[in-house]
Amino acid sequence: MKKKVGIVGYGGMGQWHACSITGTTYLGSISFQESDVAQVAGVYDIDPEKLKKAAEDGYSVYPSLKELLAADIDIVVVATPNDVHEPIAIQAMEAGKHVIVEKPVTMSCEALDRMIAASEKNNRKFSVHQNRRFDDYYVAMKRLANEGAIGDIISIESRIHGDHGVPGDWRKTVEQGGGMLYDWGVHMLDQQLWMLGYDVDRVYAHFDYLTGIPVDDGCFVDVYLKSGKVLRTEICTYNFIPLPMMYMRGRTGTALFGTWGDDIQVVRCTAWGDHDDILPVKAAAGLTKTMAPRTDRSMEKLSIPLPKTDAHDYYRNFCAAIDGKEELLVTHEQMRVVMRVIMAAFESAKTGNVVRL
């Protein structure tokens, strides 16, 4: 039987959740298949216009959060501004509902601990919607890393570059948890840590404030793992020529993903010690042998097509976890580490210092 979902907040992501469950088209361009595990049972928003929109879209609407929580609903999806994730999630779990919260799960480690405590006290499932674990390019890169296709991974660079600035809503406000670290950085950090491990040693960060708003319109975060691996996250909204979205170095090769829809490019080293075959090349006003290109016989080049993925697997996992059939894909401890890294990044950007966890 499908789980009944109540959506709190009918803005952009609230509508995305509704469309992804009902199989309707989002913003007239993004299509979904109807969910095999969930159905929308109702919507609540503090904005009457958004409630009107939800009703026009064919959903049952509730005039208050209390009334939605009293309804026959299994799961509450919290898709509100970040500053009210905690109270809504806790109230929902105390009302006996399982809870999915949009990212970032909340705005402090202490708040997250209170949410986890409410989950444990009320025996309710609780997780954060890290849907970008299902991005096709990320799945392909993670597979390469897991299979050892380019050897032991040394470092990953993940980035998103845009040129529109920060969206013009609550994402521009400090109080409601705006800025690029909370908006996109949390996705990139979650992806990288899930790929290479949660043994974080230290964090260093720098923020951009180029557009005259009080939140970061760009963030640069380096995470150093105790294993020696380095995770670099870069999100910018002031780049008119974007750099590759993911670049992964291994002991025996390199993998690169350029932009949405591209194949993954892989170069594998097949003969490391070919120095005698390298000839110096002209490099602008000088010569270089150190940076001269490899010979074709010492490397293998591959183009790997993107796999088909389904972000609704997140819902399938959450519903299976409610039924005791699977463990949660996004666990409490994973959420704790990501939140600790985010808090360390804010501290590092403010002080200019490396922050150890």
Protein backbone atom coordinates (compact mmCIF):
# COMPACT_ATOMS: atom_id res chain seq x y z
CA MET A 1 0.00 0.00 0.00
CA LYS A 2 1.31 3.46 -0.88
CA LYS A 3 2.41 5.74 1.96
CA LYS A 4 0.37 8.92 2.38
CA VAL A 5 2.50 12.06 2.20
CA GLY A 6 1.70 15.48 3.58
CA ILE A 7 3.79 18.36 2.20
CA VAL A 8 4.57 21.37 4.38
CA GLY A 9 5.64 24.28 2.20
CA TYR A 10 4.40 24.57 -1.38
CA GLY A 11 7.18 26.63 -2.90
CA GLY A 12 9.60 25.37 -5.52
CA MET A 13 10.72 22.19 -3.74
CA GLY A 14 7.30 21.47 -2.25
CA GLN A 15 5.87 21.49 -5.76
CA TRP A 16 8.80 19.37 -6.95
CA HIS A 17 7.98 16.72 -4.33
CA ALA A 18 4.29 16.78 -5.26
CA CYS A 19 5.05 16.38 -8.98
CA SER A 20 7.60 13.62 -8.39
CA ILE A 21 5.04 11.65 -6.38
CA THR A 22 1.98 12.18 -8.59
CA GLY A 23 3.83 11.90 -11.89
CA THR A 24 2.82 15.36 -13.12
CA THR A 25 5.00 17.81 -15.03
CA TYR A 26 7.00 20.30 -12.97
CA LEU A 27 7.08 23.88 -14.34
CA GLY A 28 5.82 22.57 -17.66
CA SER A 29 9.14 20.97 -18.59
CA ILE A 30 10.31 18.28 -16.12
CA SER A 31 8.39 15.00 -16.32
CA PHE A 32 8.03 12.30 -13.66
CA GLN A 33 6.56 8.83 -13.42
CA GLU A 34 3.83 8.31 -10.84
CA SER A 35 5.27 6.95 -7.61
CA ASP A 36 4.92 3.27 -6.89
CA VAL A 37 5.35 3.79 -3.12
CA ALA A 38 3.75 7.12 -2.17
CA GLN A 39 0.77 9.39 -2.79
CA VAL A 40 0.13 13.03 -1.88
CA ALA A 41 -2.48 13.23 0.88
CA GLY A 42 -2.40 16.98 1.54
CA VAL A 43 -0.53 20.28 1.55
CA TYR A 44 -0.05 23.06 4.09
CA ASP A 45 1.61 26.44 3.62
CA ILE A 46 1.46 29.65 5.64
CA ASP A 47 0.96 31.60 2.39
CA PRO A 48 -2.72 31.61 1.25
CA GLU A 49 -1.65 32.08 -2.36
CA LYS A 50 0.44 28.92 -2.25
CA LEU A 51 -2.43 27.01 -0.66
CA LYS A 52 -4.66 28.27 -3.46
CA LYS A 53 -2.09 27.06 -5.98
CA ALA A 54 -1.98 23.63 -4.31
CA ALA A 55 -5.77 23.38 -4.46
CA GLU A 56 -5.75 24.39 -8.14
CA ASP A 57 -3.17 21.65 -8.74
CA GLY A 58 -5.66 19.15 -7.35
CA TYR A 59 -4.34 18.52 -3.83
CA SER A 60 -6.22 18.56 -0.55
CA VAL A 61 -5.14 21.59 1.47
CA TYR A 62 -5.11 22.19 5.22
CA PRO A 63 -5.51 25.63 6.83
CA SER A 64 -3.05 24.83 9.63
CA LEU A 65 -0.12 22.58 10.40
CA LYS A 66 -2.04 21.13 13.33
CA GLU A 67 -4.86 20.00 11.05
CA LEU A 68 -2.46 18.43 8.55
CA LEU A 69 -0.71 16.52 11.35
CA ALA A 70 -4.07 15.28 12.63
CA ALA A 71 -4.93 13.84 9.22
CA ASP A 72 -4.40 10.28 7.97
CA ILE A 73 -0.82 10.83 6.82
CA ASP A 74 2.24 8.57 7.13
CA ILE A 75 5.06 10.89 6.02
CA VAL A 76 5.52 14.64 6.36
CA VAL A 77 7.84 16.32 3.88
CA VAL A 78 9.22 19.61 5.22
CA ALA A 79 9.96 21.91 2.25
CA THR A 80 10.06 25.26 4.01
CA PRO A 81 12.82 27.85 4.49
CA ASN A 82 15.70 26.32 6.45
CA ASP A 83 15.14 28.18 9.73
CA VAL A 84 11.88 26.37 10.53
CA HIS A 85 12.87 22.82 9.59
CA GLU A 86 13.54 21.87 13.20
CA PRO A 87 10.27 22.88 14.91
CA ILE A 88 8.09 21.50 12.11
CA ALA A 89 9.96 18.19 11.96
CA ILE A 90 9.84 17.70 15.73
CA GLN A 91 6.14 18.58 15.89
CA ALA A 92 5.43 16.11 13.08
CA MET A 93 7.36 13.28 14.75
CA GLU A 94 5.62 13.97 18.05
CA ALA A 95 2.33 13.65 16.12
CA GLY A 96 3.42 10.17 15.02
CA LYS A 97 4.55 11.01 11.50
CA HIS A 98 7.71 9.92 9.75
CA VAL A 99 9.65 12.90 8.42
CA ILE A 100 11.66 13.82 5.33
CA VAL A 101 13.29 17.26 5.54
CA GLU A 102 14.61 19.21 2.59
CA LYS A 103 18.33 20.00 2.68
CA PRO A 104 20.05 21.38 4.60
CA VAL A 105 18.44 19.33 7.32
CA THR A 106 18.71 22.31 9.70
CA MET A 107 21.08 25.14 10.62
CA SER A 108 23.14 23.82 13.54
CA CYS A 109 24.50 20.61 15.00
CA GLU A 110 22.51 21.20 18.19
CA ALA A 111 19.25 21.52 16.25
CA LEU A 112 20.00 18.31 14.35
CA ASP A 113 20.64 16.46 17.61
CA ARG A 114 17.24 17.59 18.90
CA MET A 115 15.58 16.33 15.71
CA ILE A 116 17.35 12.97 15.97
CA ALA A 117 16.32 12.73 19.64
CA ALA A 118 12.69 13.30 18.63
CA SER A 119 13.01 10.57 16.01
CA GLU A 120 14.36 8.09 18.56
CA LYS A 121 11.91 9.07 21.30
CA ASN A 122 8.87 8.70 19.03
CA ASN A 123 10.24 5.73 17.03
CA ARG A 124 9.74 7.59 13.76
CA LYS A 125 11.92 7.50 10.66
CA PHE A 126 13.67 10.79 9.95
CA SER A 127 16.05 11.73 7.16
CA VAL A 128 17.11 14.52 4.83
CA HIS A 129 16.31 14.58 1.12
CA GLN A 130 19.75 14.13 -0.43
CA ASN A 131 18.36 13.47 -3.89
CA ARG A 132 21.62 14.35 -5.65
CA ARG A 133 23.10 11.05 -4.61
CA PHE A 134 21.18 9.92 -7.70
CA ASP A 135 22.66 12.43 -10.17
CA ASP A 136 23.75 10.34 -13.16
CA TYR A 137 27.27 11.78 -13.39
CA TYR A 138 27.83 11.30 -9.66
CA VAL A 139 26.64 7.68 -9.80
CA ALA A 140 29.09 7.07 -12.67
CA MET A 141 31.97 8.69 -10.80
CA LYS A 142 31.20 6.81 -7.59
CA ARG A 143 31.12 3.57 -9.55
CA LEU A 144 34.56 4.31 -11.01
CA ALA A 145 35.89 4.99 -7.51
CA ASN A 146 34.31 1.84 -6.01
CA GLU A 147 35.60 -0.37 -8.83
CA GLY A 148 39.14 1.00 -8.56
CA ALA A 149 39.05 1.91 -12.25
CA ILE A 150 41.61 4.71 -11.77
CA GLY A 151 43.27 3.33 -8.65
CA ASP A 152 42.99 4.59 -5.11
CA ILE A 153 41.35 8.03 -5.15
CA ILE A 154 43.60 10.93 -4.18
CA SER A 155 41.18 13.85 -4.48
CA ILE A 156 37.84 14.99 -5.86
CA GLU A 157 36.87 18.44 -7.07
CA SER A 158 33.13 19.08 -7.27
CA ARG A 159 31.77 22.37 -8.51
CA ILE A 160 28.69 24.13 -9.78
CA HIS A 161 29.20 27.38 -11.67
CA GLY A 162 26.41 29.75 -12.62
CA ASP A 163 26.13 33.38 -13.63
CA HIS A 164 22.76 34.54 -12.24
CA GLY A 165 23.63 35.30 -8.64
CA VAL A 166 21.54 33.91 -5.75
CA PRO A 167 17.77 33.39 -6.35
CA GLY A 168 15.70 36.38 -5.26
CA ASP A 169 13.72 34.92 -2.38
CA TRP A 170 14.49 33.85 1.20
CA ARG A 171 17.75 32.32 -0.05
CA LYS A 172 19.21 35.82 0.14
CA THR A 173 18.62 36.13 3.89
CA VAL A 174 20.94 35.09 6.71
CA GLU A 175 18.13 34.43 9.19
CA GLN A 176 16.39 31.88 6.95
CA GLY A 177 19.57 30.04 6.00
CA GLY A 178 20.34 31.48 2.60
CA GLY A 179 23.58 31.32 0.65
CA MET A 180 25.35 28.85 -1.57
CA LEU A 181 26.85 26.62 1.12
CA TYR A 182 23.38 25.77 2.41
CA ASP A 183 21.84 25.68 -1.06
CA TRP A 184 24.31 23.65 -3.15
CA GLY A 185 27.31 23.03 -0.91
CA VAL A 186 25.39 20.59 1.26
CA HIS A 187 24.71 18.44 -1.83
CA MET A 188 28.34 18.39 -2.95
CA LEU A 189 29.66 17.64 0.52
CA ASP A 190 27.16 14.81 0.98
CA GLN A 191 28.13 13.30 -2.38
CA GLN A 192 31.85 13.41 -1.70
CA LEU A 193 31.68 12.10 1.86
CA TRP A 194 29.32 9.28 0.83
CA MET A 195 31.81 8.34 -1.87
CA LEU A 196 35.09 8.47 0.07
CA GLY A 197 34.23 8.25 3.77
CA TYR A 198 33.31 10.30 6.81
CA ASP A 199 36.68 10.33 8.59
CA VAL A 200 36.99 14.13 8.45
CA ASP A 201 40.10 15.65 9.98
CA ARG A 202 39.92 19.35 9.11
CA VAL A 203 38.12 21.94 7.00
CA TYR A 204 39.18 25.17 5.31
CA ALA A 205 36.73 27.52 3.58
CA HIS A 206 36.47 30.86 1.82
CA PHE A 207 33.26 32.64 0.80
CA ASP A 208 32.49 35.12 -1.98
CA TYR A 209 30.30 38.17 -1.41
CA LEU A 210 30.30 39.68 -4.91
CA THR A 211 26.66 40.61 -5.48
CA GLY A 212 26.08 42.84 -2.48
CA ILE A 213 23.85 40.51 -0.47
CA PRO A 214 24.55 39.40 3.13
CA VAL A 215 24.88 35.65 2.37
CA ASP A 216 27.63 33.85 0.48
CA ASP A 217 27.05 33.96 -3.27
CA GLY A 218 29.99 31.60 -3.70
CA CYS A 219 31.73 29.13 -1.42
CA PHE A 220 35.01 27.22 -1.58
CA VAL A 221 35.41 24.38 0.92
CA ASP A 222 38.35 21.99 1.27
CA VAL A 223 37.76 18.92 3.42
CA TYR A 224 40.77 16.83 4.45
CA LEU A 225 40.09 13.24 5.48
CA LYS A 226 42.21 11.33 7.96
CA SER A 227 42.93 8.90 5.14
CA GLY A 228 44.79 11.70 3.31
CA LYS A 229 42.13 12.18 0.63
CA VAL A 230 41.07 15.74 -0.21
CA LEU A 231 37.52 16.83 -1.10
CA ARG A 232 37.18 20.22 -2.78
CA THR A 233 33.79 21.88 -3.17
CA GLU A 234 33.26 25.03 -5.21
CA ILE A 235 29.92 26.74 -5.82
CA CYS A 236 29.87 30.08 -7.63
CA THR A 237 27.12 32.28 -9.05
CA TYR A 238 29.40 34.80 -10.76
CA ASN A 239 31.19 32.64 -13.38
CA PHE A 240 30.50 33.23 -17.04
CA ILE A 241 32.78 30.39 -18.21
CA PRO A 242 32.16 27.32 -16.03
CA LEU A 243 34.85 24.83 -15.09
CA PRO A 244 34.23 21.04 -15.15
CA MET A 245 31.64 19.89 -12.61
CA MET A 246 33.64 16.97 -11.26
CA TYR A 247 37.32 16.07 -11.51
CA MET A 248 38.65 12.96 -9.77
CA ARG A 249 42.31 11.98 -9.44
CA GLY A 250 43.34 8.41 -8.80
CA ARG A 251 46.71 6.69 -8.47
CA THR A 252 46.47 5.26 -11.97
CA GLY A 253 44.21 7.69 -13.81
CA THR A 254 41.91 10.69 -13.90
CA ALA A 255 38.16 11.04 -14.51
CA LEU A 256 36.40 14.21 -15.58
CA PHE A 257 32.77 15.25 -15.98
CA GLY A 258 32.21 18.51 -17.85
CA THR A 259 28.57 19.55 -17.64
CA TRP A 260 25.00 18.23 -17.66
CA GLY A 261 24.59 15.45 -20.22
CA ASP A 262 28.28 14.94 -21.05
CA ASP A 263 29.89 11.52 -20.95
CA ILE A 264 32.54 10.85 -18.32
CA GLN A 265 36.07 11.19 -19.71
CA VAL A 266 38.67 8.82 -18.27
CA VAL A 267 42.41 8.64 -18.91
CA ARG A 268 44.27 5.69 -17.40
CA CYS A 269 48.03 5.45 -17.12
CA THR A 270 49.24 2.12 -18.50
CA ALA A 271 53.02 2.73 -18.20
CA TRP A 272 54.24 5.15 -15.56
CA GLY A 273 57.99 5.06 -16.27
CA ASP A 274 58.14 6.29 -19.86
CA HIS A 275 60.36 9.32 -19.14
CA ASP A 276 62.93 8.38 -21.77
CA ASP A 277 60.29 8.71 -24.48
CA ILE A 278 59.20 12.20 -23.45
CA LEU A 279 60.49 15.00 -25.63
CA PRO A 280 60.50 18.63 -24.51
CA VAL A 281 57.74 20.73 -26.04
CA LYS A 282 57.59 24.44 -26.67
CA ALA A 283 55.62 26.11 -23.91
CA ALA A 284 54.96 29.75 -24.80
CA ALA A 285 58.32 31.49 -24.23
CA GLY A 286 60.12 28.38 -23.05
CA LEU A 287 60.36 24.60 -23.09
CA THR A 288 59.03 21.94 -20.76
CA LYS A 289 59.66 18.25 -20.39
CA THR A 290 57.98 17.97 -16.97
CA MET A 291 54.60 19.06 -18.34
CA ALA A 292 54.93 17.58 -21.82
CA PRO A 293 52.03 15.33 -22.88
CA ARG A 294 52.30 11.58 -22.42
CA THR A 295 52.88 9.26 -25.34
CA ASP A 296 49.78 7.48 -26.61
CA ARG A 297 51.28 4.08 -25.80
CA SER A 298 51.49 4.96 -22.08
CA MET A 299 47.82 5.79 -21.55
CA GLU A 300 44.30 4.62 -22.30
CA LYS A 301 41.43 7.03 -23.03
CA LEU A 302 37.80 6.09 -22.37
CA SER A 303 34.44 7.83 -22.76
CA ILE A 304 31.85 6.42 -20.38
CA PRO A 305 28.15 7.16 -21.03
CA LEU A 306 26.02 8.30 -18.13
CA PRO A 307 23.91 5.60 -16.47
CA LYS A 308 20.15 5.83 -16.10
CA THR A 309 19.24 6.73 -12.53
CA ASP A 310 16.01 7.36 -10.65
CA ALA A 311 15.97 9.91 -7.81
CA HIS A 312 12.68 8.42 -6.61
CA ASP A 313 14.75 5.56 -5.22
CA TYR A 314 15.16 7.88 -2.23
CA TYR A 315 11.41 7.59 -1.55
CA ARG A 316 11.46 3.85 -2.19
CA ASN A 317 14.19 3.45 0.41
CA PHE A 318 12.43 5.67 2.96
CA CYS A 319 9.14 3.79 2.59
CA ALA A 320 10.94 0.43 2.82
CA ALA A 321 12.69 1.65 5.99
CA ILE A 322 9.32 2.49 7.53
CA ASP A 323 8.23 -1.09 6.84
CA GLY A 324 11.45 -2.47 8.34
CA LYS A 325 12.67 -3.87 5.02
CA GLU A 326 15.72 -1.62 4.53
CA GLU A 327 18.02 0.64 6.47
CA LEU A 328 17.80 4.37 5.75
CA LEU A 329 20.01 5.39 2.85
CA VAL A 330 20.78 8.76 4.48
CA THR A 331 21.54 7.99 8.11
CA HIS A 332 21.58 10.17 11.20
CA GLU A 333 25.34 9.83 11.59
CA GLN A 334 25.91 10.84 7.97
CA MET A 335 23.74 13.91 8.54
CA ARG A 336 25.75 14.74 11.67
CA VAL A 337 29.07 14.66 9.82
CA VAL A 338 27.79 16.81 6.95
CA MET A 339 26.38 19.35 9.44
CA ARG A 340 29.66 19.43 11.38
CA VAL A 341 31.56 20.10 8.16
CA ILE A 342 29.14 22.91 7.25
CA MET A 343 29.52 24.51 10.68
CA ALA A 344 33.31 24.19 10.41
CA ALA A 345 33.20 25.83 6.96
CA PHE A 346 31.28 28.81 8.33
CA GLU A 347 33.81 29.16 11.16
CA SER A 348 36.77 28.84 8.81
CA ALA A 349 35.39 31.42 6.37
CA LYS A 350 34.81 33.82 9.26
CA THR A 351 38.19 33.39 10.97
CA GLY A 352 40.43 32.53 8.03
CA ASN A 353 41.69 29.49 9.93
CA VAL A 354 41.69 25.76 9.32
CA VAL A 355 39.11 24.14 11.62
CA ARG A 356 39.65 20.63 12.99
CA LEU A 357 36.66 18.48 13.74
